[in-house]
Protein backbone atom coordinates (compact mmCIF):
# COMPACT_ATOMS: atom_id res chain seq x y z
CA MET A 1 0.06 0.13 -0.16
CA ARG A 2 1.02 3.26 -1.43
CA ASN A 3 2.10 5.56 2.38
CA ASP A 4 0.82 9.55 2.59
CA THR A 5 3.89 10.93 0.69
CA GLU A 6 3.71 8.59 -2.14
CA ARG A 7 -0.37 9.91 -2.84
CA GLN A 8 0.26 13.61 -2.40
CA HIS A 9 2.62 13.03 -5.48
CA VAL A 10 0.49 11.40 -7.62
CA LYS A 11 -2.10 14.02 -6.58
CA GLU A 12 -0.13 17.06 -7.46
CA ARG A 13 1.31 15.10 -10.52
CA PRO A 14 0.88 17.81 -13.27
CA GLN A 15 -2.45 17.28 -16.12
CA VAL A 16 -1.52 17.82 -20.07
CA GLN A 17 -5.10 19.70 -21.34
CA ARG A 18 -4.30 17.91 -24.52
CA GLU A 19 -5.34 20.31 -28.13
CA ALA A 20 -7.61 19.23 -31.18
CA PHE A 21 -5.04 19.67 -33.80
CA HIS A 22 -5.95 20.87 -36.77
CA THR A 23 -4.88 19.62 -39.97
CA SER A 24 -5.26 19.95 -43.74
CA ARG A 25 -6.02 17.49 -45.58
CA LEU A 26 -4.71 19.47 -48.94
CA LEU A 27 -1.64 17.15 -48.05
CA ASP A 28 -3.09 14.02 -48.82
CA PHE A 29 -2.70 14.35 -52.54
CA LEU A 30 0.99 14.83 -51.84
CA SER A 31 2.15 11.66 -49.90
CA GLU A 32 2.72 8.39 -51.92
CA LYS A 33 -0.33 6.32 -49.95
CA GLU A 34 -2.74 8.65 -51.46
CA LEU A 35 -1.61 9.28 -54.99
CA THR A 36 -0.85 4.96 -55.32
CA ALA A 37 -4.91 4.54 -54.21
CA GLN A 38 -5.90 7.59 -56.77
CA THR A 39 -3.79 5.97 -59.91
CA GLY A 40 -3.78 1.99 -59.08
CA HIS A 41 -0.33 1.59 -59.47
CA PRO A 42 2.78 1.89 -57.02
CA ARG A 43 5.66 4.30 -56.83
CA PRO A 44 7.84 2.41 -59.60
CA ALA A 45 5.11 2.81 -62.55
CA TRP A 46 4.51 6.46 -62.04
CA PRO A 47 6.91 7.63 -65.05
CA LEU A 48 4.56 5.31 -67.10
CA VAL A 49 0.91 6.57 -64.99
CA LEU A 50 2.87 10.44 -66.27
CA ALA A 51 3.12 9.04 -70.05
CA LYS A 52 -0.28 7.66 -69.86
CA GLU A 53 -2.28 10.43 -68.50
CA LEU A 54 -0.50 13.19 -70.68
CA VAL A 55 -0.93 10.92 -73.84
CA ASP A 56 -4.04 10.42 -73.10
CA ASN A 57 -5.09 14.26 -72.62
CA SER A 58 -3.34 14.70 -75.91
CA LEU A 59 -5.00 12.59 -78.14
CA ASP A 60 -8.56 13.48 -76.22
CA ALA A 61 -7.75 17.00 -77.45
CA CYS A 62 -6.47 16.10 -80.55
CA GLU A 63 -10.29 14.03 -81.25
CA GLU A 64 -12.33 17.01 -79.94
CA ALA A 65 -10.98 19.38 -82.48
CA GLY A 66 -11.01 16.42 -85.24
CA ILE A 67 -7.60 16.59 -85.74
CA ALA A 68 -5.32 13.14 -86.02
CA PRO A 69 -2.82 12.91 -83.09
CA LYS A 70 0.61 13.41 -83.60
CA VAL A 71 2.11 12.56 -80.07
CA THR A 72 5.73 12.64 -78.85
CA THR A 73 7.11 11.17 -75.83
CA SER A 74 10.64 11.85 -74.93
CA VAL A 75 13.06 10.85 -71.98
CA ASP A 76 16.24 12.77 -71.29
CA ASP A 77 18.22 14.08 -68.52
CA HIS A 78 15.27 17.36 -67.87
CA GLY A 79 12.30 14.26 -67.15
CA LEU A 80 9.42 13.64 -69.62
CA THR A 81 8.09 15.29 -71.75
CA ILE A 82 4.92 14.88 -74.29
CA ILE A 83 4.49 17.20 -76.79
CA ASP A 84 0.59 16.76 -79.34
CA ASN A 85 -0.33 19.33 -82.19
CA GLY A 86 -3.78 19.89 -80.13
CA PRO A 87 -5.19 22.88 -79.86
CA GLY A 88 -3.43 23.78 -76.77
CA ILE A 89 -4.69 24.25 -72.91
CA PRO A 90 -5.79 26.93 -71.87
CA PRO A 91 -3.97 29.47 -69.01
CA GLU A 92 -6.74 29.63 -66.82
CA VAL A 93 -6.52 25.79 -67.13
CA VAL A 94 -3.55 25.30 -66.05
CA ALA A 95 -4.33 27.64 -63.13
CA GLY A 96 -7.30 25.60 -62.55
CA VAL A 97 -5.51 22.51 -61.77
CA LEU A 98 -3.22 23.68 -59.09
CA ASP A 99 -5.86 24.57 -56.20
CA PHE A 100 -5.30 21.45 -54.79
CA SER A 101 -8.57 22.29 -52.55
CA VAL A 102 -11.14 20.95 -55.30
CA ARG A 103 -10.95 18.51 -57.95
CA VAL A 104 -11.39 19.61 -61.63
CA SER A 105 -12.41 17.49 -64.14
CA SER A 106 -14.82 17.36 -67.55
CA ARG A 107 -14.72 14.07 -67.57
CA GLU A 108 -15.57 12.30 -63.71
CA ALA A 109 -19.13 12.78 -63.26
CA TYR A 110 -20.40 11.49 -66.59
CA VAL A 111 -20.51 8.33 -68.55
CA ALA A 112 -19.25 8.40 -71.03
CA ALA A 113 -16.62 5.71 -72.97
CA ASP A 114 -13.54 8.18 -71.91
CA ARG A 115 -10.03 7.46 -71.66
CA GLY A 116 -9.27 7.54 -68.25
CA ALA A 117 -11.64 9.41 -66.55
CA GLN A 118 -9.81 9.73 -63.39
CA GLY A 119 -10.59 13.08 -62.50
CA ASN A 120 -7.39 14.13 -61.57
CA ALA A 121 -4.85 13.28 -64.71
CA LEU A 122 -3.27 17.13 -64.52
CA MET A 123 -2.77 17.14 -60.41
CA THR A 124 -1.66 14.00 -60.64
CA VAL A 125 1.30 15.34 -63.04
CA VAL A 126 1.86 18.39 -60.61
CA ALA A 127 2.11 16.22 -57.45
CA MET A 128 3.89 13.51 -58.36
CA PRO A 129 7.57 14.73 -59.61
CA TYR A 130 7.07 16.45 -55.76
CA VAL A 131 6.53 13.26 -54.31
CA MET A 132 9.75 11.83 -56.44
CA ASP A 133 12.35 14.11 -55.46
CA GLY A 134 11.20 14.70 -51.56
CA GLU A 135 11.73 18.87 -51.61
CA GLN A 136 10.57 20.39 -55.01
CA GLY A 137 8.28 19.40 -57.82
CA ARG A 138 8.76 21.17 -61.02
CA VAL A 139 6.07 21.06 -63.96
CA THR A 140 7.14 23.27 -67.62
CA ILE A 141 3.84 23.56 -69.62
CA ARG A 142 3.88 25.30 -73.05
CA SER A 143 0.92 26.14 -74.87
CA GLN A 144 -1.09 28.65 -76.54
CA GLY A 145 2.22 31.02 -76.57
CA VAL A 146 2.54 30.88 -72.41
CA ARG A 147 4.86 28.89 -70.41
CA HIS A 148 4.04 28.23 -67.36
CA GLU A 149 6.69 27.55 -64.72
CA ILE A 150 5.03 25.63 -61.83
CA THR A 151 6.46 24.52 -59.29
CA LEU A 152 5.47 22.27 -55.82
CA SER A 153 7.13 22.39 -52.12
CA VAL A 154 5.11 21.50 -48.96
CA ASP A 155 4.86 24.28 -45.68
CA ARG A 156 5.44 21.99 -43.30
CA ILE A 157 4.07 24.53 -40.33
CA GLN A 158 0.97 25.09 -42.10
CA GLN A 159 0.23 21.76 -43.78
CA LYS A 160 -0.94 23.03 -46.72
CA PRO A 161 0.86 22.66 -50.44
CA VAL A 162 3.20 25.84 -51.77
CA VAL A 163 2.38 26.58 -55.66
CA GLY A 164 4.36 28.25 -57.54
CA HIS A 165 3.05 29.37 -60.80
CA GLU A 166 4.56 31.92 -63.23
CA GLN A 167 3.95 32.75 -66.78
CA HIS A 168 6.02 33.67 -69.62
CA ALA A 169 5.37 34.68 -73.22
CA ASP A 170 6.41 32.14 -75.35
CA ARG A 171 6.79 31.86 -79.35
CA ARG A 172 6.09 27.73 -79.80
CA PHE A 173 2.50 26.35 -79.41
CA VAL A 174 1.51 29.65 -80.00
CA LYS A 175 -1.39 28.34 -82.65
CA ASN A 176 -1.57 24.89 -81.57
CA GLY A 177 0.14 22.01 -79.47
CA THR A 178 0.65 21.51 -76.32
CA SER A 179 4.27 20.74 -74.00
CA VAL A 180 4.58 19.43 -70.88
CA THR A 181 7.68 18.43 -69.50
CA VAL A 182 7.79 16.48 -65.79
CA HIS A 183 10.92 17.40 -64.27
CA LEU A 184 12.01 14.17 -62.46
CA PRO A 185 15.36 13.01 -60.82
CA SER A 186 17.42 11.08 -63.57
CA SER A 187 17.97 8.09 -61.71
CA ILE A 188 13.79 6.99 -62.12
CA PHE A 189 15.05 5.84 -65.59
CA ASP A 190 18.80 4.89 -65.17
CA GLY A 191 17.38 1.83 -62.65
CA ASP A 192 18.81 3.01 -59.49
CA GLY A 193 16.61 2.86 -56.49
CA GLN A 194 13.05 2.44 -56.42
CA SER A 195 12.69 2.51 -60.73
CA LEU A 196 10.94 1.07 -63.62
CA GLN A 197 13.27 -1.90 -63.14
CA GLU A 198 11.09 -3.45 -60.47
CA LEU A 199 8.01 -3.40 -62.73
CA VAL A 200 9.81 -5.37 -64.84
CA GLU A 201 10.90 -7.93 -61.78
CA ASP A 202 6.99 -8.12 -60.63
CA ASP A 203 5.20 -7.99 -63.94
CA ASP A 204 5.73 -11.01 -66.94
CA ASP A 205 3.85 -9.20 -69.36
CA LEU A 206 5.93 -5.99 -69.50
CA GLY A 207 7.04 -7.17 -72.80
CA CYS A 208 11.04 -6.87 -72.22
CA SER A 209 13.70 -9.88 -71.82
CA THR A 210 15.94 -8.10 -68.94
CA PRO A 211 14.87 -6.25 -65.86
CA ALA A 212 17.74 -4.20 -66.59
CA ASP A 213 16.17 -3.06 -70.58
CA LEU A 214 14.17 0.41 -68.96
CA LYS A 215 13.99 1.52 -71.89
CA CYS A 216 12.17 -1.55 -74.61
CA LEU A 217 9.73 -1.01 -71.39
CA PHE A 218 8.97 2.38 -71.80
CA LEU A 219 9.01 2.76 -75.10
CA GLN A 220 6.69 -0.48 -75.69
CA PHE A 221 4.01 0.93 -73.45
CA ALA A 222 4.11 3.97 -75.67
CA ASP A 223 4.24 1.69 -78.59
CA ALA A 224 1.18 0.42 -77.27
CA PHE A 225 -0.99 3.57 -77.87
CA THR A 226 -0.63 2.75 -81.34
CA PHE A 227 -2.53 -0.78 -81.13
CA LEU A 228 -5.26 0.80 -80.00
CA ASN A 229 -5.42 4.24 -81.64
CA PRO A 230 -4.71 3.88 -85.83
CA HIS A 231 -5.50 7.62 -86.34
CA LEU A 232 -2.27 8.17 -84.40
CA THR A 233 1.16 9.13 -84.92
CA LEU A 234 3.29 8.43 -82.86
CA SER A 235 7.39 9.78 -82.08
CA SER A 236 9.56 8.41 -79.16
CA ASP A 237 12.61 10.15 -78.14
CA TRP A 238 15.19 8.36 -75.42
CA ARG A 239 17.76 10.32 -74.91
CA GLY A 240 18.32 11.36 -78.18
CA GLU A 241 17.21 7.91 -79.66
CA CYS A 242 14.58 8.50 -82.13
CA SER A 243 11.48 6.45 -83.92
CA THR A 244 8.33 7.15 -85.36
CA VAL A 245 5.26 5.11 -86.22
CA LYS A 246 2.72 6.70 -88.41
CA ALA A 247 -0.54 6.22 -88.16
CA THR A 248 -2.34 3.09 -90.08
CA ASN A 249 -5.63 5.71 -90.63
CA PRO A 250 -5.67 9.29 -89.97
CA GLN A 251 -9.31 9.22 -91.07
CA TRP A 252 -9.90 6.83 -88.16
CA ALA A 253 -12.98 7.78 -86.21
CA LYS A 254 -14.22 6.83 -82.48
CA TRP A 255 -16.54 7.93 -79.45
CA LYS A 256 -15.34 11.25 -78.80
CA PRO A 257 -14.92 12.90 -75.38
CA SER A 258 -17.02 15.67 -77.01
CA ASP A 259 -20.05 13.49 -78.29
CA PRO A 260 -23.03 14.03 -76.27
CA THR A 261 -23.68 10.92 -73.61
CA SER A 262 -26.88 8.81 -74.01
CA ALA A 263 -29.54 8.45 -70.75
CA HIS A 264 -29.49 4.58 -71.61
CA TRP A 265 -25.89 4.82 -70.19
CA TYR A 266 -26.82 5.98 -66.88
CA GLU A 267 -28.28 4.21 -63.37
CA GLN A 268 -29.97 5.96 -61.09
CA GLU A 269 -26.82 6.80 -59.03
CA HIS A 270 -25.09 7.85 -61.77
CA PHE A 271 -28.28 10.01 -63.30
CA GLU A 272 -28.14 12.32 -59.80
CA ARG A 273 -24.43 12.21 -59.74
CA LEU A 274 -24.38 14.08 -62.80
CA ILE A 275 -27.58 16.69 -61.56
CA SER A 276 -25.47 17.34 -58.54
CA ALA A 277 -22.49 18.37 -60.46
CA TYR A 278 -24.68 20.43 -62.84
CA LEU A 279 -26.22 22.42 -59.78
CA SER A 280 -22.65 23.40 -57.73
CA HIS A 281 -21.49 24.38 -61.05
CA ASP A 282 -24.12 26.32 -61.81
CA ALA A 283 -24.33 27.76 -58.61
CA ALA A 284 -20.77 28.62 -58.57
CA ASN A 285 -20.97 30.28 -62.24
CA GLY A 286 -24.62 32.38 -61.54
CA ARG A 287 -26.56 30.24 -63.32
CA ASN A 288 -29.97 28.75 -62.99
CA ARG A 289 -30.17 26.00 -66.16
CA THR A 290 -33.54 24.90 -66.95
CA VAL A 291 -34.19 20.96 -66.54
CA ARG A 292 -34.83 21.23 -70.30
CA GLU A 293 -31.74 22.76 -71.16
CA PHE A 294 -30.25 19.91 -69.44
CA VAL A 295 -32.27 17.35 -71.10
CA GLY A 296 -30.86 18.35 -74.71
CA GLU A 297 -27.32 17.61 -74.04
CA PHE A 298 -28.04 13.90 -74.39
CA ARG A 299 -27.68 12.11 -77.23
CA GLY A 300 -31.07 12.10 -79.76
CA LEU A 301 -32.73 14.37 -77.08
CA SER A 302 -31.56 18.04 -78.52
CA SER A 303 -34.66 18.27 -80.54
CA SER A 304 -37.62 20.39 -79.25
CA GLY A 305 -39.95 17.78 -79.78
CA LYS A 306 -38.16 15.28 -78.78
CA GLN A 307 -37.82 17.46 -74.87
CA LYS A 308 -41.08 18.33 -75.34
CA LYS A 309 -41.96 14.25 -74.67
CA VAL A 310 -39.56 13.82 -72.37
CA LEU A 311 -41.07 16.39 -70.22
CA GLY A 312 -44.61 16.31 -70.92
CA GLY A 313 -44.60 13.02 -69.04
CA THR A 314 -43.36 14.70 -65.41
CA PRO A 315 -44.09 17.98 -64.08
CA LEU A 316 -41.25 19.37 -64.80
CA HIS A 317 -41.75 21.47 -68.47
CA ARG A 318 -40.77 24.84 -67.55
CA ALA A 319 -39.09 23.97 -63.97
CA PRO A 320 -35.24 24.81 -63.53
CA LEU A 321 -33.01 21.82 -62.61
CA SER A 322 -32.87 23.13 -59.03
CA ALA A 323 -36.64 21.84 -58.80
CA LEU A 324 -35.01 18.33 -58.90
CA VAL A 325 -34.02 19.41 -55.21
CA ASN A 326 -35.44 18.78 -52.35
CA GLY A 327 -37.20 21.79 -49.87
CA ASP A 328 -34.23 20.49 -47.24
CA GLY A 329 -32.16 22.08 -50.61
CA ARG A 330 -29.77 19.22 -49.23
CA SER A 331 -30.40 16.31 -50.75
CA LEU A 332 -32.41 15.67 -54.47
CA ASP A 333 -36.32 14.01 -55.17
CA SER A 334 -35.16 10.57 -56.37
CA GLU A 335 -39.08 10.15 -57.33
CA LEU A 336 -38.45 12.54 -59.67
CA ILE A 337 -35.37 12.33 -60.89
CA GLY A 338 -35.95 8.40 -61.54
CA ASN A 339 -39.21 9.85 -63.20
CA LEU A 340 -36.96 12.22 -65.91
CA LEU A 341 -33.85 9.29 -66.35
CA ARG A 342 -37.46 7.03 -67.96
CA GLU A 343 -38.62 9.37 -70.08
CA MET A 344 -35.72 10.23 -71.27
CA LYS A 345 -34.29 6.62 -71.89
CA THR A 346 -38.13 6.07 -73.21
CA HIS A 347 -37.90 8.89 -75.79
CA SER A 348 -34.44 8.37 -77.38
CA LYS A 349 -33.03 5.32 -78.57
CA PRO A 350 -29.87 3.39 -77.55
CA VAL A 351 -26.02 3.89 -78.86
CA LYS A 352 -25.43 1.14 -81.04
CA PRO A 353 -21.82 -0.79 -80.28
CA SER A 354 -20.58 -0.18 -83.70
CA ALA A 355 -20.87 3.75 -82.71
CA LEU A 356 -18.31 3.70 -80.40
CA GLY A 357 -15.50 2.67 -82.63
CA VAL A 358 -13.69 -0.49 -84.30
CA ILE A 359 -10.19 -0.43 -84.50
CA GLY A 360 -10.39 -3.19 -86.99
CA LYS A 361 -9.02 -6.25 -87.83
CA ASP A 362 -6.72 -4.23 -91.09
CA HIS A 363 -4.78 -2.08 -88.28
CA ILE A 364 -4.28 -4.78 -85.58
CA ALA A 365 -2.94 -7.08 -88.15
CA THR A 366 -0.58 -4.15 -89.43
CA LYS A 367 0.92 -3.91 -85.95
CA PHE A 368 1.18 -7.41 -85.54
CA GLN A 369 2.90 -7.95 -88.06
CA ALA A 370 5.50 -4.78 -88.06
CA ASN A 371 6.47 -6.56 -84.66
CA GLY A 372 7.29 -10.16 -85.74
CA CYS A 373 4.18 -11.90 -85.82
CA GLU A 374 3.92 -14.94 -88.18
CA MET A 375 0.70 -13.76 -89.99
CA GLU A 376 -0.47 -18.14 -90.40
CA SER A 377 -0.80 -17.75 -86.98
CA PHE A 378 -2.58 -14.47 -86.60
CA GLU A 379 -6.46 -14.71 -85.13
CA TYR A 380 -8.74 -11.83 -84.83
CA LYS A 381 -11.94 -11.93 -82.37
CA LYS A 382 -14.57 -9.00 -82.51
CA ALA A 383 -17.89 -9.51 -79.97
CA VAL A 384 -20.29 -6.69 -79.91
CA GLY A 385 -23.16 -6.29 -77.31
CA GLU A 386 -25.53 -4.39 -74.95
CA THR A 387 -26.48 -4.95 -71.68
CA ASP A 388 -29.38 -2.94 -70.26
CA GLY A 389 -29.00 -0.25 -72.82
CA VAL A 390 -25.02 0.30 -72.68
CA PRO A 391 -23.13 -1.24 -75.54
CA TRP A 392 -19.65 -2.96 -75.80
CA ILE A 393 -16.98 -3.93 -78.43
CA VAL A 394 -14.38 -6.46 -77.25
CA GLU A 395 -11.73 -7.03 -79.73
CA THR A 396 -8.85 -9.80 -79.33
CA ALA A 397 -5.79 -10.66 -81.54
CA PHE A 398 -3.44 -13.52 -80.88
CA GLY A 399 0.16 -14.60 -82.99
CA TRP A 400 3.04 -16.08 -82.63
CA CYS A 401 5.95 -14.44 -82.58
CA PRO A 402 9.21 -16.80 -83.45
CA SER A 403 11.87 -13.43 -82.69
CA ALA A 404 10.20 -12.26 -79.41
CA GLU A 405 11.59 -13.94 -76.21
CA ARG A 406 9.17 -13.59 -74.06
CA ARG A 407 5.06 -12.91 -74.31
CA ARG A 408 3.97 -9.81 -74.76
CA ILE A 409 0.06 -8.46 -73.84
CA ILE A 410 -1.20 -5.28 -74.75
CA THR A 411 -4.46 -4.24 -73.37
CA GLY A 412 -6.85 -1.62 -72.76
CA VAL A 413 -9.79 0.21 -71.64
CA ASN A 414 -11.45 3.03 -74.13
CA TRP A 415 -8.29 2.95 -76.39
CA SER A 416 -6.33 3.57 -73.51
CA PRO A 417 -3.47 0.94 -72.90
CA GLY A 418 -3.04 -0.66 -69.22
CA ILE A 419 0.37 -0.03 -67.84
CA LEU A 420 -0.03 -3.51 -66.00
CA ASN A 421 -2.49 -5.80 -66.88
CA PRO A 422 -6.42 -4.65 -65.82
CA PHE A 423 -7.96 -7.30 -66.26
CA ARG A 424 -7.10 -9.51 -63.40
CA GLU A 425 -11.07 -10.59 -62.59
CA LEU A 426 -12.40 -12.42 -65.71
CA GLY A 427 -16.37 -13.95 -65.43
CA SER A 428 -17.99 -15.04 -62.76
CA PHE A 429 -14.54 -17.03 -61.07
CA GLY A 430 -13.21 -13.82 -60.91
CA GLU A 431 -9.99 -15.51 -63.00
CA SER A 432 -7.57 -13.47 -64.28
CA LEU A 433 -6.28 -13.13 -67.60
CA ASP A 434 -2.60 -14.10 -66.73
CA THR A 435 -4.43 -17.67 -65.34
CA ILE A 436 -6.23 -18.18 -68.60
CA LEU A 437 -3.25 -17.82 -70.58
CA GLY A 438 -1.39 -20.31 -68.53
CA ASN A 439 -4.44 -22.79 -68.86
CA GLN A 440 -4.17 -22.45 -72.75
CA ARG A 441 -0.18 -22.88 -72.03
CA ALA A 442 0.21 -19.72 -73.23
CA THR A 443 2.78 -19.19 -70.50
CA ALA A 444 5.15 -16.17 -70.11
CA ASP A 445 8.04 -17.39 -71.88
CA GLU A 446 6.09 -18.29 -75.03
CA PRO A 447 6.26 -16.05 -78.08
CA VAL A 448 3.62 -14.49 -78.45
CA VAL A 449 1.75 -11.41 -78.84
CA LEU A 450 -2.00 -11.27 -77.45
CA LEU A 451 -4.26 -8.06 -77.78
CA LEU A 452 -7.02 -7.36 -75.59
CA HIS A 453 -9.30 -3.98 -75.54
CA LEU A 454 -12.85 -2.91 -74.10
CA ALA A 455 -14.79 -0.62 -75.52
CA CYS A 456 -17.87 0.54 -72.66
CA PRO A 457 -18.86 3.80 -71.53
CA ARG A 458 -19.30 2.10 -68.07
CA VAL A 459 -16.82 0.06 -67.00
CA THR A 460 -16.42 -1.57 -63.59
CA PHE A 461 -13.33 -1.17 -61.83
CA ALA A 462 -12.32 -3.02 -58.65
CA ASP A 463 -9.87 -0.29 -57.55
CA ARG A 464 -10.33 3.75 -57.17
CA GLY A 465 -7.83 4.32 -59.55
CA LYS A 466 -8.96 2.68 -62.23
CA SER A 467 -6.53 0.24 -63.24
CA THR A 468 -8.43 -3.24 -62.43
CA VAL A 469 -11.45 -4.03 -64.46
CA VAL A 470 -14.05 -6.52 -63.73
CA VAL A 471 -15.67 -8.20 -66.39
CA GLU A 472 -18.47 -10.22 -65.69
CA LYS A 473 -20.18 -12.99 -68.26
């Protein structure tokens, strides 16, 4: 038992009143853990993630402008540079993506056959070089006659990002084109430390014969874009070694990001999310659009006659979009929105799968032949269909390449190649593509090439970074 002196000492022990500290969530995007979750890929893959995001953006911009895309990927001592011949990025858009408190995207809320659609592409591009460097990230963007010098660091006391943004006149890329340089440590491409080499060691289907052949890895990933995009001319420059793959069909067309989406592609939850996005955007910009204007933006509903038919089945004929909000001002009227969606589907036709865009046997055969395929072994199959009004196209090709040292797999979703194999769960039993190939004796050591591409406006992903596709039977 304690004596009186001991009890008095315990009684007089000083107490600490703990404070409830507030920590900014803005830094969440500037951590390796969060960027891995956002992109679905570990740190060694980030140079490829950067290339994928930037080339995706370049292709989208060119397609929206009706331009046959010409893209250059370049790796040198400064880092990674992607150049395109698109219409360019307006200065105000560059400024907008530097606000880490919001997510700026023209893709994320829509259901459409878009590349990527993570909604964080340029923000990821700015954040990754900081995390990889540890002290400061640098990105240079040249477009529409302006050179943007962007730096990113962190105020550890205030716990918030510090963004530097200088703009200078630039004579290059005045009328069209954009150049984005992501400044990266030279060790990233030299195989030192946490590098792309780890990817080669961990994955059997990246197509390179040795773990040290990082140039092969990067160039083959870039080349995968040309397998999935017949209209793309791609030039590659790896430390002064240049090559160009010309488009097989510059006039090839697919579903464009600017094309109206179809009401048939939306379920209630997707539709409500889009309405919420419109309401928030309009409130921030002082606009009060009508339900009729909103309906008119969908495929097959642009005519006044169709809009009248849709709204004739609802009490929304002359109503503003805000009429879809409940009286509490904080929630949507799900019953009224469900009725509107049903009327929109009733008075519009589903999109045929062919309208999405078919890569085609001729283009894929040309690519396989150029990569050393024995054409007598070449096989191509296309499957098309529609599930609950949502169209889809699956194209596959297979060939034996006697000159290859190992298996190569080119996979993609909506004309954007996967960095690692995104088809890790196929069918009701959840088998991976690798397992299926192994059962067919097409193991990683076999000199074969396989292409698998899915085009669909509504794709189910198993992760937030949208790197793993779930394909159900």
